[in-house]
Amino acid sequence: MAKFKIYTKDKKFYVTDNKLYLVQVILLTPGLIHLIFFKDKEYHNLEVSLLWISLIYMIISMFLNWTSFARYRPLEGKIEGEIILSEEEILIENEVIKIKDIKNIEITNDDFLNFMKSYNKYVMLGRKSYGVENEIKITLINGKLYKINYQQDQNHDMQECKELLKLYFKKGIISLENLMYVLGIVEVEEKTEFKKSLEI
């Protein structure tokens, strides 16, 4: 049995890096237009004020970018409820899905708590992850689809479910490619040995 916390996104307004970039563009635009097209005319008080605000904003954003490695990226939802994987069923909060009713499972497990993201990007809000950008997609035989984002505390949390996932493979509900992806099996020799262990 394996247990993970569920992350659910919501539609509330959240401050994001893209929204902060948009604010900066809005502040800069009047001054830049004046500078390019109206060089000989005096700046209006509003344009001067916006330019100063924009300059201060840029200094603050640079500071936030430099210190972003120490902060978490804001969540755009809530971490609540659990998904429990077992040999005969999957429990999503209070809903029970029998393994015999599942057509296919696809799993991603690239994210984990404190994982540093966006190394090459200009980021203001934080680079440390809460480990919630992982997904379990369950397709039932009747066509119903579940998409669940879940949290990993460590990068190997899902890999610790190796025997359970191998059982899912033998029951035909997870592909060999996805199984090896989740378990971090990438080298040719590793793949060959793993296939032998599955007797395929």
Protein backbone atom coordinates (compact mmCIF):
# COMPACT_ATOMS: atom_id res chain seq x y z
CA MET A 1 0.00 0.00 0.00
CA ALA A 2 1.17 3.53 -0.80
CA LYS A 3 -0.28 6.82 0.40
CA PHE A 4 0.15 10.32 -1.08
CA LYS A 5 -1.35 13.73 -0.33
CA ILE A 6 -3.58 15.21 -3.04
CA TYR A 7 -2.98 18.67 -4.48
CA THR A 8 -6.03 20.41 -5.95
CA LYS A 9 -5.73 23.59 -8.01
CA ASP A 10 -8.47 26.19 -7.70
CA LYS A 11 -9.61 29.19 -9.72
CA LYS A 12 -8.77 31.92 -7.21
CA PHE A 13 -6.54 34.82 -8.21
CA TYR A 14 -2.89 34.15 -7.47
CA VAL A 15 0.12 36.38 -8.04
CA THR A 16 2.47 34.73 -10.55
CA ASP A 17 5.75 35.75 -12.15
CA ASN A 18 3.97 36.35 -15.47
CA LYS A 19 1.51 38.74 -13.81
CA LEU A 20 4.39 40.62 -12.17
CA TYR A 21 6.12 40.89 -15.56
CA LEU A 22 2.89 42.32 -17.02
CA VAL A 23 2.76 45.01 -14.31
CA GLN A 24 6.32 45.99 -15.18
CA VAL A 25 5.47 46.26 -18.89
CA ILE A 26 2.43 48.43 -18.12
CA LEU A 27 4.54 50.76 -15.97
CA LEU A 28 7.31 51.07 -18.56
CA THR A 29 5.18 51.49 -21.70
CA PRO A 30 4.17 55.19 -21.38
CA GLY A 31 7.74 56.34 -20.73
CA LEU A 32 9.18 54.21 -23.54
CA ILE A 33 6.59 55.49 -26.04
CA HIS A 34 7.46 59.06 -25.09
CA LEU A 35 11.18 58.36 -25.34
CA ILE A 36 10.90 56.78 -28.81
CA PHE A 37 8.24 58.90 -30.51
CA PHE A 38 8.18 62.21 -28.64
CA LYS A 39 11.83 62.93 -27.84
CA ASP A 40 11.49 66.72 -28.07
CA LYS A 41 8.47 67.05 -25.83
CA GLU A 42 8.57 67.35 -22.08
CA TYR A 43 7.58 64.44 -19.89
CA HIS A 44 4.25 64.73 -18.10
CA ASN A 45 4.20 64.26 -14.35
CA LEU A 46 2.34 60.96 -14.76
CA GLU A 47 5.00 59.58 -17.13
CA VAL A 48 7.81 60.64 -14.81
CA SER A 49 6.04 59.07 -11.85
CA LEU A 50 5.50 55.81 -13.75
CA LEU A 51 9.16 55.70 -14.80
CA TRP A 52 10.30 56.16 -11.20
CA ILE A 53 7.85 53.54 -9.98
CA SER A 54 9.06 51.21 -12.72
CA LEU A 55 12.70 51.78 -11.77
CA ILE A 56 11.98 51.02 -8.10
CA TYR A 57 9.93 48.01 -9.18
CA MET A 58 12.85 46.70 -11.26
CA ILE A 59 15.26 47.06 -8.33
CA ILE A 60 12.87 45.19 -6.05
CA SER A 61 12.29 42.47 -8.66
CA MET A 62 16.05 42.00 -9.10
CA PHE A 63 16.42 41.57 -5.35
CA LEU A 64 13.56 39.07 -5.31
CA ASN A 65 15.18 37.14 -8.16
CA TRP A 66 18.52 36.99 -6.34
CA THR A 67 16.85 35.67 -3.19
CA SER A 68 14.34 33.38 -4.92
CA PHE A 69 16.37 30.25 -4.10
CA ALA A 70 15.39 30.64 -0.45
CA ARG A 71 11.63 30.78 -1.08
CA TYR A 72 8.91 28.37 -2.15
CA ARG A 73 6.88 28.94 -5.29
CA PRO A 74 3.36 29.92 -4.17
CA LEU A 75 0.76 27.18 -4.34
CA GLU A 76 -2.22 27.82 -6.61
CA GLY A 77 -4.49 25.52 -4.70
CA LYS A 78 -4.63 23.31 -1.60
CA ILE A 79 -2.90 20.16 -0.37
CA GLU A 80 -5.64 18.12 1.26
CA GLY A 81 -7.01 14.61 1.09
CA GLU A 82 -5.16 11.42 0.18
CA ILE A 83 -4.83 8.93 -2.64
CA ILE A 84 -4.06 5.39 -1.47
CA LEU A 85 -2.75 2.76 -3.87
CA SER A 86 -3.16 -0.92 -2.99
CA GLU A 87 -3.23 -4.31 -4.70
CA GLU A 88 -6.99 -4.52 -5.17
CA GLU A 89 -8.15 -0.91 -5.20
CA ILE A 90 -7.24 2.76 -5.34
CA LEU A 91 -8.86 5.09 -2.82
CA ILE A 92 -9.22 8.76 -3.82
CA GLU A 93 -10.39 10.46 -0.63
CA ASN A 94 -13.73 8.64 -0.09
CA GLU A 95 -14.08 7.17 -3.58
CA VAL A 96 -13.03 3.56 -4.16
CA ILE A 97 -11.79 2.41 -7.58
CA LYS A 98 -11.38 -1.33 -8.01
CA ILE A 99 -8.24 -2.41 -9.89
CA LYS A 100 -10.40 -4.73 -12.04
CA ASP A 101 -12.30 -1.67 -13.31
CA ILE A 102 -9.15 0.17 -14.45
CA LYS A 103 -8.09 0.17 -18.10
CA ASN A 104 -4.88 2.18 -17.74
CA ILE A 105 -2.77 4.16 -15.28
CA GLU A 106 -0.19 6.79 -16.23
CA ILE A 107 2.12 8.27 -13.59
CA THR A 108 4.57 11.17 -13.50
CA ASN A 109 6.87 11.65 -10.51
CA ASP A 110 9.41 14.33 -11.44
CA ASP A 111 8.64 16.82 -8.66
CA PHE A 112 9.37 16.65 -4.94
CA LEU A 113 9.49 18.91 -1.87
CA ASN A 114 12.34 21.48 -1.95
CA PHE A 115 13.19 20.67 -5.58
CA MET A 116 14.78 23.78 -7.14
CA LYS A 117 13.04 24.88 -10.34
CA SER A 118 13.59 27.42 -13.11
CA TYR A 119 17.37 27.73 -12.80
CA ASN A 120 17.66 29.63 -16.09
CA LYS A 121 14.60 31.83 -15.68
CA TYR A 122 14.15 35.26 -14.13
CA VAL A 123 12.00 34.38 -11.13
CA MET A 124 10.67 36.62 -8.38
CA LEU A 125 8.31 34.46 -6.37
CA GLY A 126 10.56 31.57 -5.40
CA ARG A 127 12.20 28.49 -6.90
CA LYS A 128 11.67 25.84 -4.23
CA SER A 129 8.88 23.42 -5.05
CA TYR A 130 6.21 21.97 -2.79
CA GLY A 131 6.51 18.74 -4.80
CA VAL A 132 2.96 18.79 -6.13
CA GLU A 133 3.49 18.76 -9.90
CA ASN A 134 3.14 14.99 -10.11
CA GLU A 135 0.14 13.29 -11.67
CA ILE A 136 -1.67 9.98 -11.58
CA LYS A 137 -4.04 9.60 -14.52
CA ILE A 138 -6.52 6.74 -14.21
CA THR A 139 -8.70 5.64 -17.13
CA LEU A 140 -11.51 3.24 -16.30
CA ILE A 141 -12.88 0.55 -18.60
CA ASN A 142 -16.14 2.54 -18.82
CA GLY A 143 -14.21 5.58 -20.11
CA LYS A 144 -14.26 7.68 -16.94
CA LEU A 145 -11.04 9.61 -16.38
CA TYR A 146 -9.39 10.75 -13.14
CA LYS A 147 -6.45 13.17 -13.01
CA ILE A 148 -4.91 13.56 -9.57
CA ASN A 149 -1.98 15.76 -8.68
CA TYR A 150 -0.08 14.41 -5.69
CA GLN A 151 2.80 15.48 -3.45
CA GLN A 152 6.16 13.73 -3.03
CA ASP A 153 8.27 14.58 0.01
CA GLN A 154 11.31 12.85 -1.51
CA ASN A 155 12.25 12.26 -5.14
CA HIS A 156 12.03 8.49 -4.64
CA ASP A 157 8.64 8.27 -2.87
CA MET A 158 6.83 6.73 -5.84
CA GLN A 159 9.83 4.53 -6.63
CA GLU A 160 9.42 2.93 -3.21
CA CYS A 161 6.16 1.48 -4.56
CA LYS A 162 8.17 -0.66 -6.99
CA GLU A 163 6.59 -4.01 -6.10
CA LEU A 164 3.08 -2.59 -6.20
CA LEU A 165 3.73 -0.95 -9.58
CA LYS A 166 5.17 -4.22 -10.92
CA LEU A 167 1.94 -5.89 -9.83
CA TYR A 168 -0.04 -3.24 -11.75
CA PHE A 169 2.11 -4.00 -14.80
CA LYS A 170 1.39 -7.73 -14.52
CA LYS A 171 -2.32 -6.90 -14.32
CA GLY A 172 -1.94 -4.92 -17.55
CA ILE A 173 -2.92 -1.48 -16.28
CA ILE A 174 0.45 0.30 -16.52
CA SER A 175 2.76 0.20 -19.53
CA LEU A 176 6.34 -1.07 -19.36
CA GLU A 177 7.60 2.31 -20.60
CA ASN A 178 5.75 4.22 -17.88
CA LEU A 179 6.82 1.72 -15.23
CA MET A 180 10.50 2.12 -16.11
CA TYR A 181 10.08 5.91 -16.29
CA VAL A 182 8.61 6.05 -12.78
CA LEU A 183 11.33 3.78 -11.39
CA GLY A 184 14.09 5.85 -13.02
CA ILE A 185 15.31 3.00 -15.23
CA VAL A 186 16.93 4.71 -18.22
CA GLU A 187 20.12 2.89 -19.16
CA VAL A 188 19.93 0.08 -21.74
CA GLU A 189 21.56 -2.46 -19.42
CA GLU A 190 19.21 -1.50 -16.58
CA LYS A 191 16.21 -1.91 -18.86
CA THR A 192 17.40 -5.33 -20.02
CA GLU A 193 17.92 -6.56 -16.46
CA PHE A 194 14.59 -5.15 -15.35
CA LYS A 195 12.74 -6.87 -18.19
CA LYS A 196 14.39 -10.14 -17.17
CA SER A 197 13.18 -9.62 -13.60
CA LEU A 198 9.65 -9.29 -14.99
CA GLU A 199 10.16 -12.45 -17.06
CA ILE A 200 9.27 -10.78 -20.36
